[in-house]
């Protein structure tokens, strides 16, 4: 397996709710290395690399068995059991992180793993999150000098495509967790430790998403959210996700009144985080807008 491979997953069965969820998962998973994208029958020059099967649905399982006779590909089976078929078995309900791990395990599972996959759209390097912090005076952005020029060019392209997110939290552990979870999906990650830093960054950079702690030194997250959302462009293009240990209806109401798009409760759940990331990808926002117009 080579770097930047994208594997096509043939989704067999599943109800409408699960298929919608899988669509979101693969929109995000296609950004990884290796990436996973949903196979679309009829795609010229490509065939699936992995089966993803609803093992609890007889019609879907029979279809899988028929396909397996023609192309013996590795499989991830979702349901109560494998029914004697080869493959990794995942119980319901579907969970983002477990499914992605199962797909990774399938690739490294031995003789049934696909030999190769067609490369994804070229990029200069496997994506890594770029950490930027404001200096004490707030005038300049601190940056590691270990990044090569090619990495900088790739980072600039991703910023132009709206693939940059801002994490605002005064807790170093939370910042490290968020960066570790976001970087594998090709996001450029900017960091701010205070509300004032966040406002300064958002004034000069357009973000796909801002993950914003409620309790911050200086102005709090609610005020920061209001200021970010006061920008007409930000209302359309920037999602604000509040991060907080406060989960009362009143606190959520305060977030809604401030203009936040989503509310994540600490300690952060990885599945919920991935779901929110996929929801506010530029492609995910366009899909939501189209659905709202119908």
C-alpha atoms as a PDB file:
ATOM      1  CA  UNK A   1       0.000   0.000   0.000  1.00  0.00           C
ATOM      2  CA  UNK A   2       1.371   3.372  -0.994  1.00  0.00           C
ATOM      3  CA  UNK A   3       0.865   6.786   0.525  1.00  0.00           C
ATOM      4  CA  UNK A   4      -2.189   8.797  -0.512  1.00  0.00           C
ATOM      5  CA  UNK A   5      -4.143   5.761  -1.722  1.00  0.00           C
ATOM      6  CA  UNK A   6      -7.910   5.967  -1.926  1.00  0.00           C
ATOM      7  CA  UNK A   7      -9.859   2.728  -1.622  1.00  0.00           C
ATOM      8  CA  UNK A   8     -13.379   2.369  -2.969  1.00  0.00           C
ATOM      9  CA  UNK A   9     -15.946   0.779  -0.668  1.00  0.00           C
ATOM     10  CA  UNK A  10     -18.995  -0.962  -2.173  1.00  0.00           C
ATOM     11  CA  UNK A  11     -21.873  -0.331   0.256  1.00  0.00           C
ATOM     12  CA  UNK A  12     -24.398  -3.192   0.125  1.00  0.00           C
ATOM     13  CA  UNK A  13     -27.726  -2.826   1.914  1.00  0.00           C
ATOM     14  CA  UNK A  14     -28.410  -0.540   4.929  1.00  0.00           C
ATOM     15  CA  UNK A  15     -31.465   1.609   5.587  1.00  0.00           C
ATOM     16  CA  UNK A  16     -31.814   5.242   4.516  1.00  0.00           C
ATOM     17  CA  UNK A  17     -30.650   6.640   7.859  1.00  0.00           C
ATOM     18  CA  UNK A  18     -27.521   4.473   7.875  1.00  0.00           C
ATOM     19  CA  UNK A  19     -26.788   5.282   4.225  1.00  0.00           C
ATOM     20  CA  UNK A  20     -26.982   8.991   4.979  1.00  0.00           C
ATOM     21  CA  UNK A  21     -24.574   8.485   7.865  1.00  0.00           C
ATOM     22  CA  UNK A  22     -22.232   6.426   5.664  1.00  0.00           C
ATOM     23  CA  UNK A  23     -22.251   9.187   3.048  1.00  0.00           C
ATOM     24  CA  UNK A  24     -21.009  11.631   5.688  1.00  0.00           C
ATOM     25  CA  UNK A  25     -18.409   9.162   6.943  1.00  0.00           C
ATOM     26  CA  UNK A  26     -16.965   8.605   3.466  1.00  0.00           C
ATOM     27  CA  UNK A  27     -16.947  12.345   2.692  1.00  0.00           C
ATOM     28  CA  UNK A  28     -14.568  12.667   5.633  1.00  0.00           C
ATOM     29  CA  UNK A  29     -12.728   9.363   5.173  1.00  0.00           C
ATOM     30  CA  UNK A  30     -11.755  10.273   1.607  1.00  0.00           C
ATOM     31  CA  UNK A  31      -9.483  12.944   3.111  1.00  0.00           C
ATOM     32  CA  UNK A  32      -7.400  10.450   5.094  1.00  0.00           C
ATOM     33  CA  UNK A  33      -4.262   8.586   4.094  1.00  0.00           C
ATOM     34  CA  UNK A  34      -5.208   5.919   3.194  1.00  0.00           C
ATOM     35  CA  UNK A  35      -8.571   7.286   2.163  1.00  0.00           C
ATOM     36  CA  UNK A  36     -11.892   5.500   1.761  1.00  0.00           C
ATOM     37  CA  UNK A  37     -14.559   6.678  -0.675  1.00  0.00           C
ATOM     38  CA  UNK A  38     -17.933   5.179  -1.500  1.00  0.00           C
ATOM     39  CA  UNK A  39     -17.915   3.211  -4.740  1.00  0.00           C
ATOM     40  CA  UNK A  40     -20.454   4.332  -7.339  1.00  0.00           C
ATOM     41  CA  UNK A  41     -21.472   1.556  -9.757  1.00  0.00           C
ATOM     42  CA  UNK A  42     -20.664   2.492 -13.318  1.00  0.00           C
ATOM     43  CA  UNK A  43     -17.549   4.479 -12.433  1.00  0.00           C
ATOM     44  CA  UNK A  44     -15.326   4.216 -15.492  1.00  0.00           C
ATOM     45  CA  UNK A  45     -12.022   2.454 -14.964  1.00  0.00           C
ATOM     46  CA  UNK A  46     -12.577   1.623 -11.312  1.00  0.00           C
ATOM     47  CA  UNK A  47     -13.916  -1.308  -9.362  1.00  0.00           C
ATOM     48  CA  UNK A  48     -14.465  -1.602  -5.604  1.00  0.00           C
ATOM     49  CA  UNK A  49     -11.647  -2.596  -3.272  1.00  0.00           C
ATOM     50  CA  UNK A  50     -13.697  -3.487  -0.169  1.00  0.00           C
ATOM     51  CA  UNK A  51     -17.258  -4.597   0.540  1.00  0.00           C
ATOM     52  CA  UNK A  52     -19.262  -3.004   3.356  1.00  0.00           C
ATOM     53  CA  UNK A  53     -22.235  -5.263   3.977  1.00  0.00           C
ATOM     54  CA  UNK A  54     -25.428  -5.136   6.011  1.00  0.00           C
ATOM     55  CA  UNK A  55     -25.113  -8.687   7.327  1.00  0.00           C
ATOM     56  CA  UNK A  56     -28.537  -8.539   9.006  1.00  0.00           C
ATOM     57  CA  UNK A  57     -30.398  -7.943   5.736  1.00  0.00           C
ATOM     58  CA  UNK A  58     -30.833 -11.239   3.807  1.00  0.00           C
ATOM     59  CA  UNK A  59     -31.130  -9.593   0.385  1.00  0.00           C
ATOM     60  CA  UNK A  60     -27.967  -7.547   0.940  1.00  0.00           C
ATOM     61  CA  UNK A  61     -26.063 -10.549   2.262  1.00  0.00           C
ATOM     62  CA  UNK A  62     -27.104 -12.664  -0.736  1.00  0.00           C
ATOM     63  CA  UNK A  63     -26.002  -9.878  -3.073  1.00  0.00           C
ATOM     64  CA  UNK A  64     -22.648  -9.783  -1.290  1.00  0.00           C
ATOM     65  CA  UNK A  65     -22.210 -13.557  -1.674  1.00  0.00           C
ATOM     66  CA  UNK A  66     -22.933 -13.295  -5.406  1.00  0.00           C
ATOM     67  CA  UNK A  67     -20.454 -10.429  -5.813  1.00  0.00           C
ATOM     68  CA  UNK A  68     -17.832 -12.263  -3.757  1.00  0.00           C
ATOM     69  CA  UNK A  69     -17.954 -15.216  -6.153  1.00  0.00           C
ATOM     70  CA  UNK A  70     -16.946 -12.882  -8.978  1.00  0.00           C
ATOM     71  CA  UNK A  71     -14.460 -10.750  -7.038  1.00  0.00           C
ATOM     72  CA  UNK A  72     -13.061 -12.069  -3.753  1.00  0.00           C
ATOM     73  CA  UNK A  73     -12.494  -8.765  -2.009  1.00  0.00           C
ATOM     74  CA  UNK A  74     -12.127  -8.154   1.741  1.00  0.00           C
ATOM     75  CA  UNK A  75     -15.278  -7.215   3.597  1.00  0.00           C
ATOM     76  CA  UNK A  76     -16.542  -5.420   6.689  1.00  0.00           C
ATOM     77  CA  UNK A  77     -19.811  -6.998   7.854  1.00  0.00           C
ATOM     78  CA  UNK A  78     -22.167  -4.910   9.983  1.00  0.00           C
ATOM     79  CA  UNK A  79     -24.619  -6.826  12.129  1.00  0.00           C
ATOM     80  CA  UNK A  80     -24.993  -9.589  14.665  1.00  0.00           C
ATOM     81  CA  UNK A  81     -22.631 -12.038  12.985  1.00  0.00           C
ATOM     82  CA  UNK A  82     -20.683 -12.998   9.877  1.00  0.00           C
ATOM     83  CA  UNK A  83     -22.987 -15.919   8.889  1.00  0.00           C
ATOM     84  CA  UNK A  84     -19.890 -17.892   8.012  1.00  0.00           C
ATOM     85  CA  UNK A  85     -18.465 -15.277   5.645  1.00  0.00           C
ATOM     86  CA  UNK A  86     -14.936 -13.918   5.866  1.00  0.00           C
ATOM     87  CA  UNK A  87     -14.516 -10.387   7.103  1.00  0.00           C
ATOM     88  CA  UNK A  88     -14.346  -8.028  10.038  1.00  0.00           C
ATOM     89  CA  UNK A  89     -17.648  -7.974  11.965  1.00  0.00           C
ATOM     90  CA  UNK A  90     -18.976  -4.744  13.477  1.00  0.00           C
ATOM     91  CA  UNK A  91     -22.042  -4.731  15.732  1.00  0.00           C
ATOM     92  CA  UNK A  92     -24.708  -2.090  15.404  1.00  0.00           C
ATOM     93  CA  UNK A  93     -25.127   0.821  15.929  1.00  0.00           C
ATOM     94  CA  UNK A  94     -22.650   2.156  13.372  1.00  0.00           C
ATOM     95  CA  UNK A  95     -19.936   4.263  14.956  1.00  0.00           C
ATOM     96  CA  UNK A  96     -17.614   6.508  12.990  1.00  0.00           C
ATOM     97  CA  UNK A  97     -14.311   5.740  14.677  1.00  0.00           C
ATOM     98  CA  UNK A  98     -14.936   1.975  14.875  1.00  0.00           C
ATOM     99  CA  UNK A  99     -15.907   1.763  11.213  1.00  0.00           C
ATOM    100  CA  UNK A 100     -12.811   3.647  10.082  1.00  0.00           C
ATOM    101  CA  UNK A 101     -10.663   1.421  12.288  1.00  0.00           C
ATOM    102  CA  UNK A 102     -12.339  -1.681  10.828  1.00  0.00           C
ATOM    103  CA  UNK A 103     -11.584  -0.480   7.289  1.00  0.00           C
ATOM    104  CA  UNK A 104      -7.957   0.120   8.265  1.00  0.00           C
ATOM    105  CA  UNK A 105      -7.779  -3.345   9.845  1.00  0.00           C
ATOM    106  CA  UNK A 106      -9.261  -4.889   6.698  1.00  0.00           C
ATOM    107  CA  UNK A 107      -6.495  -3.427   4.561  1.00  0.00           C
ATOM    108  CA  UNK A 108      -3.818  -4.930   6.796  1.00  0.00           C
ATOM    109  CA  UNK A 109      -5.682  -8.192   7.332  1.00  0.00           C
ATOM    110  CA  UNK A 110      -3.601 -10.439   5.142  1.00  0.00           C
ATOM    111  CA  UNK A 111      -4.213 -12.241   1.882  1.00  0.00           C
ATOM    112  CA  UNK A 112      -7.701 -10.817   1.302  1.00  0.00           C
ATOM    113  CA  UNK A 113      -6.504  -7.220   1.362  1.00  0.00           C
ATOM    114  CA  UNK A 114      -6.456  -5.390  -1.976  1.00  0.00           C
ATOM    115  CA  UNK A 115      -3.048  -5.295  -3.629  1.00  0.00           C
ATOM    116  CA  UNK A 116      -3.313  -1.687  -4.755  1.00  0.00           C
ATOM    117  CA  UNK A 117      -5.685   1.177  -5.147  1.00  0.00           C
ATOM    118  CA  UNK A 118      -5.721   4.038  -7.602  1.00  0.00           C
ATOM    119  CA  UNK A 119      -4.089   7.158  -6.186  1.00  0.00           C
ATOM    120  CA  UNK A 120      -6.190  10.060  -5.046  1.00  0.00           C
ATOM    121  CA  UNK A 121      -5.899  13.511  -6.554  1.00  0.00           C
ATOM    122  CA  UNK A 122      -2.230  14.502  -6.277  1.00  0.00           C
ATOM    123  CA  UNK A 123      -1.036  16.538  -3.338  1.00  0.00           C
ATOM    124  CA  UNK A 124       2.470  17.449  -2.387  1.00  0.00           C
ATOM    125  CA  UNK A 125       2.491  15.575   0.927  1.00  0.00           C
ATOM    126  CA  UNK A 126       0.281  13.672   3.316  1.00  0.00           C
ATOM    127  CA  UNK A 127      -1.646  16.426   5.025  1.00  0.00           C
ATOM    128  CA  UNK A 128      -0.461  17.583   8.399  1.00  0.00           C
ATOM    129  CA  UNK A 129      -2.126  20.190  10.569  1.00  0.00           C
ATOM    130  CA  UNK A 130      -0.238  23.454  10.752  1.00  0.00           C
ATOM    131  CA  UNK A 131      -0.168  24.994  14.208  1.00  0.00           C
ATOM    132  CA  UNK A 132      -0.159  28.756  14.383  1.00  0.00           C
ATOM    133  CA  UNK A 133      -0.307  30.810  17.559  1.00  0.00           C
ATOM    134  CA  UNK A 134      -0.310  34.511  18.131  1.00  0.00           C
ATOM    135  CA  UNK A 135       2.706  35.978  19.850  1.00  0.00           C
ATOM    136  CA  UNK A 136       2.313  37.722  23.168  1.00  0.00           C
ATOM    137  CA  UNK A 137       1.852  41.076  21.432  1.00  0.00           C
ATOM    138  CA  UNK A 138      -0.715  39.626  19.026  1.00  0.00           C
ATOM    139  CA  UNK A 139       0.985  41.154  15.980  1.00  0.00           C
ATOM    140  CA  UNK A 140       2.706  38.163  14.403  1.00  0.00           C
ATOM    141  CA  UNK A 141       1.975  34.505  13.911  1.00  0.00           C
ATOM    142  CA  UNK A 142       4.452  32.050  15.388  1.00  0.00           C
ATOM    143  CA  UNK A 143       5.392  29.196  13.068  1.00  0.00           C
ATOM    144  CA  UNK A 144       7.804  26.266  13.090  1.00  0.00           C
ATOM    145  CA  UNK A 145      10.683  26.646  10.633  1.00  0.00           C
ATOM    146  CA  UNK A 146      10.802  22.873  10.052  1.00  0.00           C
ATOM    147  CA  UNK A 147       8.038  23.015   7.411  1.00  0.00           C
ATOM    148  CA  UNK A 148       9.401  22.715   3.912  1.00  0.00           C
ATOM    149  CA  UNK A 149       8.422  25.079   1.100  1.00  0.00           C
ATOM    150  CA  UNK A 150       6.291  22.357  -0.506  1.00  0.00           C
ATOM    151  CA  UNK A 151       4.328  21.941   2.731  1.00  0.00           C
ATOM    152  CA  UNK A 152       3.728  25.676   2.816  1.00  0.00           C
ATOM    153  CA  UNK A 153       2.404  25.628  -0.753  1.00  0.00           C
ATOM    154  CA  UNK A 154       0.039  22.757   0.097  1.00  0.00           C
ATOM    155  CA  UNK A 155      -1.122  24.602   3.211  1.00  0.00           C
ATOM    156  CA  UNK A 156      -1.838  27.724   1.154  1.00  0.00           C
ATOM    157  CA  UNK A 157      -3.930  25.726  -1.314  1.00  0.00           C
ATOM    158  CA  UNK A 158      -5.952  24.156   1.494  1.00  0.00           C
ATOM    159  CA  UNK A 159      -6.568  27.573   3.009  1.00  0.00           C
ATOM    160  CA  UNK A 160      -7.831  28.828  -0.343  1.00  0.00           C
ATOM    161  CA  UNK A 161     -10.203  25.850  -0.539  1.00  0.00           C
ATOM    162  CA  UNK A 162     -11.660  26.633   2.887  1.00  0.00           C
ATOM    163  CA  UNK A 163     -10.035  23.654   4.591  1.00  0.00           C
ATOM    164  CA  UNK A 164      -8.802  25.565   7.624  1.00  0.00           C
ATOM    165  CA  UNK A 165     -10.284  25.328  11.103  1.00  0.00           C
ATOM    166  CA  UNK A 166      -9.648  27.342  14.245  1.00  0.00           C
ATOM    167  CA  UNK A 167      -9.480  25.748  17.697  1.00  0.00           C
ATOM    168  CA  UNK A 168      -9.958  28.208  20.571  1.00  0.00           C
ATOM    169  CA  UNK A 169      -9.281  26.781  24.027  1.00  0.00           C
ATOM    170  CA  UNK A 170      -7.021  27.747  26.922  1.00  0.00           C
ATOM    171  CA  UNK A 171      -6.522  24.065  27.847  1.00  0.00           C
ATOM    172  CA  UNK A 172      -3.413  22.598  26.180  1.00  0.00           C
ATOM    173  CA  UNK A 173      -4.765  19.032  26.447  1.00  0.00           C
ATOM    174  CA  UNK A 174      -7.918  19.947  24.532  1.00  0.00           C
ATOM    175  CA  UNK A 175      -5.894  21.780  21.878  1.00  0.00           C
ATOM    176  CA  UNK A 176      -3.624  18.776  21.388  1.00  0.00           C
ATOM    177  CA  UNK A 177      -6.600  16.383  21.222  1.00  0.00           C
ATOM    178  CA  UNK A 178      -8.358  18.508  18.605  1.00  0.00           C
ATOM    179  CA  UNK A 179      -5.252  18.908  16.499  1.00  0.00           C
ATOM    180  CA  UNK A 180      -4.546  15.166  16.646  1.00  0.00           C
ATOM    181  CA  UNK A 181      -8.098  14.352  15.485  1.00  0.00           C
ATOM    182  CA  UNK A 182      -8.289  17.013  12.759  1.00  0.00           C
ATOM    183  CA  UNK A 183      -4.838  16.764  11.161  1.00  0.00           C
ATOM    184  CA  UNK A 184      -5.286  13.246   9.655  1.00  0.00           C
ATOM    185  CA  UNK A 185      -8.196  14.583   7.590  1.00  0.00           C
ATOM    186  CA  UNK A 186      -6.108  17.205   5.844  1.00  0.00           C
ATOM    187  CA  UNK A 187      -7.239  20.281   7.749  1.00  0.00           C
ATOM    188  CA  UNK A 188      -4.977  23.193   8.458  1.00  0.00           C
ATOM    189  CA  UNK A 189      -5.417  23.829  12.185  1.00  0.00           C
ATOM    190  CA  UNK A 190      -4.930  27.274  13.680  1.00  0.00           C
ATOM    191  CA  UNK A 191      -4.777  27.652  17.457  1.00  0.00           C
ATOM    192  CA  UNK A 192      -5.889  30.449  19.769  1.00  0.00           C
ATOM    193  CA  UNK A 193      -5.789  30.431  23.565  1.00  0.00           C
ATOM    194  CA  UNK A 194      -7.951  33.491  24.217  1.00  0.00           C
ATOM    195  CA  UNK A 195     -11.031  35.104  22.741  1.00  0.00           C
ATOM    196  CA  UNK A 196      -9.031  38.139  21.667  1.00  0.00           C
ATOM    197  CA  UNK A 197      -6.620  35.942  19.688  1.00  0.00           C
ATOM    198  CA  UNK A 198      -9.548  34.157  18.060  1.00  0.00           C
ATOM    199  CA  UNK A 199     -11.118  37.426  16.919  1.00  0.00           C
ATOM    200  CA  UNK A 200      -7.795  38.596  15.508  1.00  0.00           C
ATOM    201  CA  UNK A 201      -7.319  35.393  13.519  1.00  0.00           C
ATOM    202  CA  UNK A 202     -10.907  35.246  12.244  1.00  0.00           C
ATOM    203  CA  UNK A 203     -10.569  38.819  10.961  1.00  0.00           C
ATOM    204  CA  UNK A 204      -7.711  37.817   8.658  1.00  0.00           C
ATOM    205  CA  UNK A 205      -8.563  34.193   7.755  1.00  0.00           C
ATOM    206  CA  UNK A 206     -11.759  32.551   6.520  1.00  0.00           C
ATOM    207  CA  UNK A 207     -12.450  29.351   8.470  1.00  0.00           C
ATOM    208  CA  UNK A 208     -14.662  26.423   7.558  1.00  0.00           C
ATOM    209  CA  UNK A 209     -15.216  25.822  11.260  1.00  0.00           C
ATOM    210  CA  UNK A 210     -14.309  27.399  14.601  1.00  0.00           C
ATOM    211  CA  UNK A 211     -14.221  25.110  17.651  1.00  0.00           C
ATOM    212  CA  UNK A 212     -14.740  27.520  20.511  1.00  0.00           C
ATOM    213  CA  UNK A 213     -14.451  26.965  24.264  1.00  0.00           C
ATOM    214  CA  UNK A 214     -17.090  28.797  26.289  1.00  0.00           C
ATOM    215  CA  UNK A 215     -14.906  29.671  29.305  1.00  0.00           C
ATOM    216  CA  UNK A 216     -11.872  31.656  28.161  1.00  0.00           C
ATOM    217  CA  UNK A 217      -9.502  34.230  29.663  1.00  0.00           C
ATOM    218  CA  UNK A 218     -10.862  37.685  28.858  1.00  0.00           C
ATOM    219  CA  UNK A 219     -14.012  37.720  26.749  1.00  0.00           C
ATOM    220  CA  UNK A 220     -15.946  34.447  26.825  1.00  0.00           C
ATOM    221  CA  UNK A 221     -16.888  32.139  23.978  1.00  0.00           C
ATOM    222  CA  UNK A 222     -20.424  33.488  23.631  1.00  0.00           C
ATOM    223  CA  UNK A 223     -19.098  36.996  22.955  1.00  0.00           C
ATOM    224  CA  UNK A 224     -16.485  35.648  20.534  1.00  0.00           C
ATOM    225  CA  UNK A 225     -19.185  33.738  18.676  1.00  0.00           C
ATOM    226  CA  UNK A 226     -21.336  36.867  18.331  1.00  0.00           C
ATOM    227  CA  UNK A 227     -18.398  38.851  16.983  1.00  0.00           C
ATOM    228  CA  UNK A 228     -17.444  36.149  14.468  1.00  0.00           C
ATOM    229  CA  UNK A 229     -21.029  35.792  13.300  1.00  0.00           C
ATOM    230  CA  UNK A 230     -21.405  39.561  12.927  1.00  0.00           C
ATOM    231  CA  UNK A 231     -19.376  39.172   9.736  1.00  0.00           C
ATOM    232  CA  UNK A 232     -21.860  38.514   6.908  1.00  0.00           C
ATOM    233  CA  UNK A 233     -19.432  36.188   5.115  1.00  0.00           C
ATOM    234  CA  UNK A 234     -18.887  34.178   8.299  1.00  0.00           C
ATOM    235  CA  UNK A 235     -22.625  33.564   8.655  1.00  0.00           C
ATOM    236  CA  UNK A 236     -22.578  31.728   5.307  1.00  0.00           C
ATOM    237  CA  UNK A 237     -19.163  30.081   5.341  1.00  0.00           C
ATOM    238  CA  UNK A 238     -18.003  29.623   8.956  1.00  0.00           C
ATOM    239  CA  UNK A 239     -19.576  27.202  11.405  1.00  0.00           C
ATOM    240  CA  UNK A 240     -19.024  27.863  15.110  1.00  0.00           C
ATOM    241  CA  UNK A 241     -19.014  24.806  17.373  1.00  0.00           C
ATOM    242  CA  UNK A 242     -19.071  25.526  21.103  1.00  0.00           C
ATOM    243  CA  UNK A 243     -16.912  23.311  23.331  1.00  0.00           C
ATOM    244  CA  UNK A 244     -18.019  23.181  26.945  1.00  0.00           C
ATOM    245  CA  UNK A 245     -18.555  21.028  30.000  1.00  0.00           C
ATOM    246  CA  UNK A 246     -21.846  22.892  30.521  1.00  0.00           C
ATOM    247  CA  UNK A 247     -24.713  20.964  28.947  1.00  0.00           C
ATOM    248  CA  UNK A 248     -27.835  22.471  30.517  1.00  0.00           C
ATOM    249  CA  UNK A 249     -30.678  23.646  28.243  1.00  0.00           C
ATOM    250  CA  UNK A 250     -29.958  27.220  29.370  1.00  0.00           C
ATOM    251  CA  UNK A 251     -26.316  26.997  28.278  1.00  0.00           C
ATOM    252  CA  UNK A 252     -27.335  25.573  24.895  1.00  0.00           C
ATOM    253  CA  UNK A 253     -29.868  28.366  24.515  1.00  0.00           C
ATOM    254  CA  UNK A 254     -27.151  30.931  25.206  1.00  0.00           C
ATOM    255  CA  UNK A 255     -25.041  29.315  22.491  1.00  0.00           C
ATOM    256  CA  UNK A 256     -27.916  29.408  20.010  1.00  0.00           C
ATOM    257  CA  UNK A 257     -28.627  33.060  20.790  1.00  0.00           C
ATOM    258  CA  UNK A 258     -24.947  33.842  20.222  1.00  0.00           C
ATOM    259  CA  UNK A 259     -25.231  32.236  16.763  1.00  0.00           C
ATOM    260  CA  UNK A 260     -23.367  28.952  17.268  1.00  0.00           C
ATOM    261  CA  UNK A 261     -24.125  26.126  14.833  1.00  0.00           C
ATOM    262  CA  UNK A 262     -23.392  23.155  17.088  1.00  0.00           C
ATOM    263  CA  UNK A 263     -22.671  22.327  20.716  1.00  0.00           C
ATOM    264  CA  UNK A 264     -20.119  19.704  21.825  1.00  0.00           C
ATOM    265  CA  UNK A 265     -19.892  18.668  25.460  1.00  0.00           C
ATOM    266  CA  UNK A 266     -16.567  17.917  27.165  1.00  0.00           C
ATOM    267  CA  UNK A 267     -15.056  15.412  27.541  1.00  0.00           C
ATOM    268  CA  UNK A 268     -15.245  15.260  23.756  1.00  0.00           C
ATOM    269  CA  UNK A 269     -16.611  12.098  22.172  1.00  0.00           C
ATOM    270  CA  UNK A 270     -14.592  11.116  19.081  1.00  0.00           C
ATOM    271  CA  UNK A 271     -17.592   9.811  17.120  1.00  0.00           C
ATOM    272  CA  UNK A 272     -19.568  12.977  17.761  1.00  0.00           C
ATOM    273  CA  UNK A 273     -16.559  15.123  16.857  1.00  0.00           C
ATOM    274  CA  UNK A 274     -16.105  13.321  13.512  1.00  0.00           C
ATOM    275  CA  UNK A 275     -19.814  13.684  12.805  1.00  0.00           C
ATOM    276  CA  UNK A 276     -19.635  17.440  13.374  1.00  0.00           C
ATOM    277  CA  UNK A 277     -16.465  17.800  11.280  1.00  0.00           C
ATOM    278  CA  UNK A 278     -18.135  16.043   8.343  1.00  0.00           C
ATOM    279  CA  UNK A 279     -21.286  18.133   8.754  1.00  0.00           C
ATOM    280  CA  UNK A 280     -19.384  21.376   8.363  1.00  0.00           C
ATOM    281  CA  UNK A 281     -17.027  20.392   5.562  1.00  0.00           C
ATOM    282  CA  UNK A 282     -17.594  22.753   2.624  1.00  0.00           C
ATOM    283  CA  UNK A 283     -19.192  19.835   0.727  1.00  0.00           C
ATOM    284  CA  UNK A 284     -21.361  18.959   3.716  1.00  0.00           C
ATOM    285  CA  UNK A 285     -22.647  22.522   4.055  1.00  0.00           C
ATOM    286  CA  UNK A 286     -23.553  22.610   0.348  1.00  0.00           C
ATOM    287  CA  UNK A 287     -25.435  19.311   0.708  1.00  0.00           C
ATOM    288  CA  UNK A 288     -27.353  20.708   3.692  1.00  0.00           C
ATOM    289  CA  UNK A 289     -28.224  23.901   1.790  1.00  0.00           C
ATOM    290  CA  UNK A 290     -29.536  21.889  -1.176  1.00  0.00           C
ATOM    291  CA  UNK A 291     -31.649  19.729   1.139  1.00  0.00           C
ATOM    292  CA  UNK A 292     -33.118  22.834   2.809  1.00  0.00           C
ATOM    293  CA  UNK A 293     -34.113  24.301  -0.568  1.00  0.00           C
ATOM    294  CA  UNK A 294     -36.115  21.181  -1.494  1.00  0.00           C
END
